């Protein structure tokens, strides 16, 4: 029984020293790993076993600290990773967007002026069909047809660019 108590006291003392030396929450794991190193290598050639254990635990703590710093971005939660992610679009998305904008600009320039004006009044000015019809002195049905025509031309221009 006294042998067990001596071992427990020795362990507690060694653990307390490793904890003070490394200032880490996983000091007990470091101590166990350091002791495992001694068991794997044997006692031969070690003049001061306690100093060896403390030095090994300290080196393990340094290695673990470096690993944590290196891998800190990998261990982030998904919502944390989004916070540091670059909000800019990828280069291929920028090129695709520019191509689509060029196709839309060309298609929009090809629209009849009246159709383009009606489309802009509805989409940019957010005017309802009735208001546009009243301002231009035409029927609501004409406005519907002109907006439908503009949407067909613009959609076709976008889809033709995506076709292989």
C-alpha atoms as a PDB file:
ATOM      1  CA  UNK A   1       0.000   0.000   0.000  1.00  0.00           C
ATOM      2  CA  UNK A   2       2.798   2.413   0.832  1.00  0.00           C
ATOM      3  CA  UNK A   3       4.473   1.658  -2.499  1.00  0.00           C
ATOM      4  CA  UNK A   4       1.259   2.709  -4.301  1.00  0.00           C
ATOM      5  CA  UNK A   5       1.034   5.909  -2.205  1.00  0.00           C
ATOM      6  CA  UNK A   6       4.655   6.777  -3.027  1.00  0.00           C
ATOM      7  CA  UNK A   7       3.994   6.231  -6.736  1.00  0.00           C
ATOM      8  CA  UNK A   8       0.849   8.386  -6.579  1.00  0.00           C
ATOM      9  CA  UNK A   9       2.688  11.150  -4.762  1.00  0.00           C
ATOM     10  CA  UNK A  10       5.534  10.941  -7.276  1.00  0.00           C
ATOM     11  CA  UNK A  11       3.074  11.095 -10.159  1.00  0.00           C
ATOM     12  CA  UNK A  12       1.221  14.062  -8.652  1.00  0.00           C
ATOM     13  CA  UNK A  13       4.488  15.894  -8.038  1.00  0.00           C
ATOM     14  CA  UNK A  14       5.745  15.214 -11.556  1.00  0.00           C
ATOM     15  CA  UNK A  15       2.400  16.181 -13.030  1.00  0.00           C
ATOM     16  CA  UNK A  16       2.380  19.456 -11.092  1.00  0.00           C
ATOM     17  CA  UNK A  17       5.881  20.277 -12.372  1.00  0.00           C
ATOM     18  CA  UNK A  18       4.923  19.494 -15.986  1.00  0.00           C
ATOM     19  CA  UNK A  19       1.790  21.630 -15.630  1.00  0.00           C
ATOM     20  CA  UNK A  20       3.829  24.575 -14.275  1.00  0.00           C
ATOM     21  CA  UNK A  21       6.511  24.113 -16.918  1.00  0.00           C
ATOM     22  CA  UNK A  22       4.208  23.852 -19.933  1.00  0.00           C
ATOM     23  CA  UNK A  23       1.187  25.887 -18.742  1.00  0.00           C
ATOM     24  CA  UNK A  24      -1.061  23.659 -20.853  1.00  0.00           C
ATOM     25  CA  UNK A  25      -4.415  22.053 -20.137  1.00  0.00           C
ATOM     26  CA  UNK A  26      -3.198  18.714 -21.514  1.00  0.00           C
ATOM     27  CA  UNK A  27      -0.190  18.434 -19.187  1.00  0.00           C
ATOM     28  CA  UNK A  28      -1.226  14.978 -17.997  1.00  0.00           C
ATOM     29  CA  UNK A  29      -1.249  13.706 -21.581  1.00  0.00           C
ATOM     30  CA  UNK A  30       2.180  15.233 -22.130  1.00  0.00           C
ATOM     31  CA  UNK A  31       3.508  13.510 -19.013  1.00  0.00           C
ATOM     32  CA  UNK A  32       2.088  10.145 -20.077  1.00  0.00           C
ATOM     33  CA  UNK A  33       3.621  10.503 -23.541  1.00  0.00           C
ATOM     34  CA  UNK A  34       6.982  11.468 -22.040  1.00  0.00           C
ATOM     35  CA  UNK A  35       6.900   8.404 -19.796  1.00  0.00           C
ATOM     36  CA  UNK A  36       5.983   6.272 -22.779  1.00  0.00           C
ATOM     37  CA  UNK A  37       9.127   7.546 -24.530  1.00  0.00           C
ATOM     38  CA  UNK A  38      11.228   6.271 -21.633  1.00  0.00           C
ATOM     39  CA  UNK A  39       9.519   2.876 -21.713  1.00  0.00           C
ATOM     40  CA  UNK A  40      10.028   2.572 -25.480  1.00  0.00           C
ATOM     41  CA  UNK A  41      13.702   3.592 -25.357  1.00  0.00           C
ATOM     42  CA  UNK A  42      14.573   1.956 -22.059  1.00  0.00           C
ATOM     43  CA  UNK A  43      16.400   3.482 -19.094  1.00  0.00           C
ATOM     44  CA  UNK A  44      19.866   2.860 -20.524  1.00  0.00           C
ATOM     45  CA  UNK A  45      21.889   6.013 -21.046  1.00  0.00           C
ATOM     46  CA  UNK A  46      19.547   8.282 -19.060  1.00  0.00           C
ATOM     47  CA  UNK A  47      21.422   9.743 -16.103  1.00  0.00           C
ATOM     48  CA  UNK A  48      18.512  11.708 -14.609  1.00  0.00           C
ATOM     49  CA  UNK A  49      15.165  10.144 -15.458  1.00  0.00           C
ATOM     50  CA  UNK A  50      13.085  12.911 -13.909  1.00  0.00           C
ATOM     51  CA  UNK A  51      14.914  15.638 -15.869  1.00  0.00           C
ATOM     52  CA  UNK A  52      14.516  13.570 -19.031  1.00  0.00           C
ATOM     53  CA  UNK A  53      10.764  13.269 -18.466  1.00  0.00           C
ATOM     54  CA  UNK A  54      10.397  17.010 -17.815  1.00  0.00           C
ATOM     55  CA  UNK A  55      12.460  17.938 -20.876  1.00  0.00           C
ATOM     56  CA  UNK A  56      10.531  15.497 -23.063  1.00  0.00           C
ATOM     57  CA  UNK A  57       7.187  16.841 -21.797  1.00  0.00           C
ATOM     58  CA  UNK A  58       8.353  20.400 -22.503  1.00  0.00           C
ATOM     59  CA  UNK A  59       9.455  19.462 -26.034  1.00  0.00           C
ATOM     60  CA  UNK A  60       6.131  17.724 -26.639  1.00  0.00           C
ATOM     61  CA  UNK A  61       4.312  20.872 -25.475  1.00  0.00           C
ATOM     62  CA  UNK A  62       6.339  22.992 -27.893  1.00  0.00           C
ATOM     63  CA  UNK A  63       5.593  20.591 -30.748  1.00  0.00           C
ATOM     64  CA  UNK A  64       1.893  20.596 -29.905  1.00  0.00           C
ATOM     65  CA  UNK A  65       1.821  24.408 -29.730  1.00  0.00           C
ATOM     66  CA  UNK A  66       3.455  24.660 -33.163  1.00  0.00           C
ATOM     67  CA  UNK A  67       1.040  22.093 -34.594  1.00  0.00           C
ATOM     68  CA  UNK A  68      -1.940  24.020 -33.206  1.00  0.00           C
ATOM     69  CA  UNK A  69      -0.685  27.290 -34.695  1.00  0.00           C
ATOM     70  CA  UNK A  70      -0.062  25.638 -38.061  1.00  0.00           C
ATOM     71  CA  UNK A  71      -3.424  23.873 -38.142  1.00  0.00           C
ATOM     72  CA  UNK A  72      -5.503  26.643 -36.577  1.00  0.00           C
ATOM     73  CA  UNK A  73      -7.388  27.381 -39.812  1.00  0.00           C
ATOM     74  CA  UNK A  74      -8.164  23.718 -40.387  1.00  0.00           C
ATOM     75  CA  UNK A  75      -9.751  23.341 -36.957  1.00  0.00           C
ATOM     76  CA  UNK A  76     -12.189  26.236 -37.349  1.00  0.00           C
ATOM     77  CA  UNK A  77     -15.912  25.647 -37.179  1.00  0.00           C
ATOM     78  CA  UNK A  78     -17.745  26.215 -40.488  1.00  0.00           C
ATOM     79  CA  UNK A  79     -19.274  29.522 -39.376  1.00  0.00           C
ATOM     80  CA  UNK A  80     -15.844  30.741 -38.229  1.00  0.00           C
ATOM     81  CA  UNK A  81     -14.258  29.768 -41.545  1.00  0.00           C
ATOM     82  CA  UNK A  82     -16.848  31.813 -43.431  1.00  0.00           C
ATOM     83  CA  UNK A  83     -15.946  34.844 -41.343  1.00  0.00           C
ATOM     84  CA  UNK A  84     -12.361  34.799 -42.617  1.00  0.00           C
ATOM     85  CA  UNK A  85     -13.103  33.654 -46.159  1.00  0.00           C
ATOM     86  CA  UNK A  86     -12.524  36.189 -48.902  1.00  0.00           C
ATOM     87  CA  UNK A  87     -15.878  37.603 -50.068  1.00  0.00           C
ATOM     88  CA  UNK A  88     -14.544  38.326 -53.562  1.00  0.00           C
ATOM     89  CA  UNK A  89     -15.744  36.052 -56.378  1.00  0.00           C
ATOM     90  CA  UNK A  90     -13.349  33.566 -57.901  1.00  0.00           C
ATOM     91  CA  UNK A  91     -11.578  34.640 -61.097  1.00  0.00           C
ATOM     92  CA  UNK A  92     -13.580  32.253 -63.296  1.00  0.00           C
ATOM     93  CA  UNK A  93     -16.825  33.701 -61.926  1.00  0.00           C
ATOM     94  CA  UNK A  94     -15.606  37.218 -62.742  1.00  0.00           C
ATOM     95  CA  UNK A  95     -14.773  36.223 -66.325  1.00  0.00           C
ATOM     96  CA  UNK A  96     -18.126  34.465 -66.743  1.00  0.00           C
ATOM     97  CA  UNK A  97     -19.957  37.492 -65.343  1.00  0.00           C
ATOM     98  CA  UNK A  98     -18.152  39.831 -67.750  1.00  0.00           C
ATOM     99  CA  UNK A  99     -19.016  37.593 -70.694  1.00  0.00           C
ATOM    100  CA  UNK A 100     -22.669  37.477 -69.680  1.00  0.00           C
ATOM    101  CA  UNK A 101     -22.758  41.248 -69.225  1.00  0.00           C
ATOM    102  CA  UNK A 102     -21.273  41.751 -72.696  1.00  0.00           C
ATOM    103  CA  UNK A 103     -23.888  39.437 -74.244  1.00  0.00           C
ATOM    104  CA  UNK A 104     -26.703  41.220 -72.376  1.00  0.00           C
ATOM    105  CA  UNK A 105     -25.401  44.647 -73.407  1.00  0.00           C
ATOM    106  CA  UNK A 106     -25.279  43.606 -77.054  1.00  0.00           C
ATOM    107  CA  UNK A 107     -28.760  42.086 -76.891  1.00  0.00           C
ATOM    108  CA  UNK A 108     -30.182  45.122 -75.082  1.00  0.00           C
ATOM    109  CA  UNK A 109     -28.681  47.481 -77.677  1.00  0.00           C
ATOM    110  CA  UNK A 110     -30.442  45.440 -80.388  1.00  0.00           C
ATOM    111  CA  UNK A 111     -33.880  46.011 -78.797  1.00  0.00           C
ATOM    112  CA  UNK A 112     -36.236  48.551 -80.323  1.00  0.00           C
ATOM    113  CA  UNK A 113     -35.959  51.847 -78.402  1.00  0.00           C
ATOM    114  CA  UNK A 114     -39.587  51.719 -77.270  1.00  0.00           C
ATOM    115  CA  UNK A 115     -39.221  48.134 -75.977  1.00  0.00           C
ATOM    116  CA  UNK A 116     -35.992  49.026 -74.166  1.00  0.00           C
ATOM    117  CA  UNK A 117     -37.622  52.099 -72.591  1.00  0.00           C
ATOM    118  CA  UNK A 118     -40.637  50.089 -71.362  1.00  0.00           C
ATOM    119  CA  UNK A 119     -38.375  47.372 -69.971  1.00  0.00           C
ATOM    120  CA  UNK A 120     -36.231  49.918 -68.084  1.00  0.00           C
ATOM    121  CA  UNK A 121     -39.289  51.726 -66.719  1.00  0.00           C
ATOM    122  CA  UNK A 122     -40.563  48.471 -65.283  1.00  0.00           C
ATOM    123  CA  UNK A 123     -37.263  46.929 -64.075  1.00  0.00           C
ATOM    124  CA  UNK A 124     -35.265  49.980 -62.972  1.00  0.00           C
ATOM    125  CA  UNK A 125     -37.974  52.462 -62.009  1.00  0.00           C
ATOM    126  CA  UNK A 126     -40.189  49.682 -60.596  1.00  0.00           C
ATOM    127  CA  UNK A 127     -43.266  51.118 -62.249  1.00  0.00           C
ATOM    128  CA  UNK A 128     -46.348  48.888 -62.565  1.00  0.00           C
ATOM    129  CA  UNK A 129     -47.729  48.073 -66.008  1.00  0.00           C
ATOM    130  CA  UNK A 130     -50.717  50.417 -65.568  1.00  0.00           C
ATOM    131  CA  UNK A 131     -48.524  53.424 -64.796  1.00  0.00           C
ATOM    132  CA  UNK A 132     -46.255  52.762 -67.772  1.00  0.00           C
ATOM    133  CA  UNK A 133     -49.281  52.316 -70.044  1.00  0.00           C
ATOM    134  CA  UNK A 134     -50.782  55.594 -68.805  1.00  0.00           C
ATOM    135  CA  UNK A 135     -47.517  57.497 -69.298  1.00  0.00           C
ATOM    136  CA  UNK A 136     -47.002  56.177 -72.840  1.00  0.00           C
ATOM    137  CA  UNK A 137     -50.678  56.280 -73.848  1.00  0.00           C
ATOM    138  CA  UNK A 138     -50.893  52.575 -74.725  1.00  0.00           C
ATOM    139  CA  UNK A 139     -52.777  49.594 -73.347  1.00  0.00           C
ATOM    140  CA  UNK A 140     -51.580  47.390 -70.497  1.00  0.00           C
ATOM    141  CA  UNK A 141     -51.572  44.485 -72.944  1.00  0.00           C
ATOM    142  CA  UNK A 142     -49.013  46.326 -75.118  1.00  0.00           C
ATOM    143  CA  UNK A 143     -46.768  46.837 -72.088  1.00  0.00           C
ATOM    144  CA  UNK A 144     -47.019  43.140 -71.222  1.00  0.00           C
ATOM    145  CA  UNK A 145     -46.069  42.139 -74.768  1.00  0.00           C
ATOM    146  CA  UNK A 146     -43.120  44.567 -74.913  1.00  0.00           C
ATOM    147  CA  UNK A 147     -41.700  43.364 -71.583  1.00  0.00           C
ATOM    148  CA  UNK A 148     -42.187  39.754 -72.656  1.00  0.00           C
ATOM    149  CA  UNK A 149     -40.377  40.494 -75.928  1.00  0.00           C
ATOM    150  CA  UNK A 150     -37.458  42.116 -74.074  1.00  0.00           C
ATOM    151  CA  UNK A 151     -37.206  39.187 -71.655  1.00  0.00           C
ATOM    152  CA  UNK A 152     -37.165  36.696 -74.554  1.00  0.00           C
ATOM    153  CA  UNK A 153     -34.358  38.544 -76.336  1.00  0.00           C
ATOM    154  CA  UNK A 154     -32.232  38.922 -73.189  1.00  0.00           C
ATOM    155  CA  UNK A 155     -32.797  35.337 -72.021  1.00  0.00           C
ATOM    156  CA  UNK A 156     -31.928  33.987 -75.458  1.00  0.00           C
ATOM    157  CA  UNK A 157     -28.709  36.019 -75.461  1.00  0.00           C
ATOM    158  CA  UNK A 158     -27.712  34.541 -72.101  1.00  0.00           C
ATOM    159  CA  UNK A 159     -28.611  30.969 -73.055  1.00  0.00           C
ATOM    160  CA  UNK A 160     -26.797  31.103 -76.393  1.00  0.00           C
ATOM    161  CA  UNK A 161     -23.580  31.931 -74.590  1.00  0.00           C
ATOM    162  CA  UNK A 162     -23.924  28.850 -72.375  1.00  0.00           C
ATOM    163  CA  UNK A 163     -24.538  26.449 -75.270  1.00  0.00           C
ATOM    164  CA  UNK A 164     -21.515  24.304 -76.273  1.00  0.00           C
END
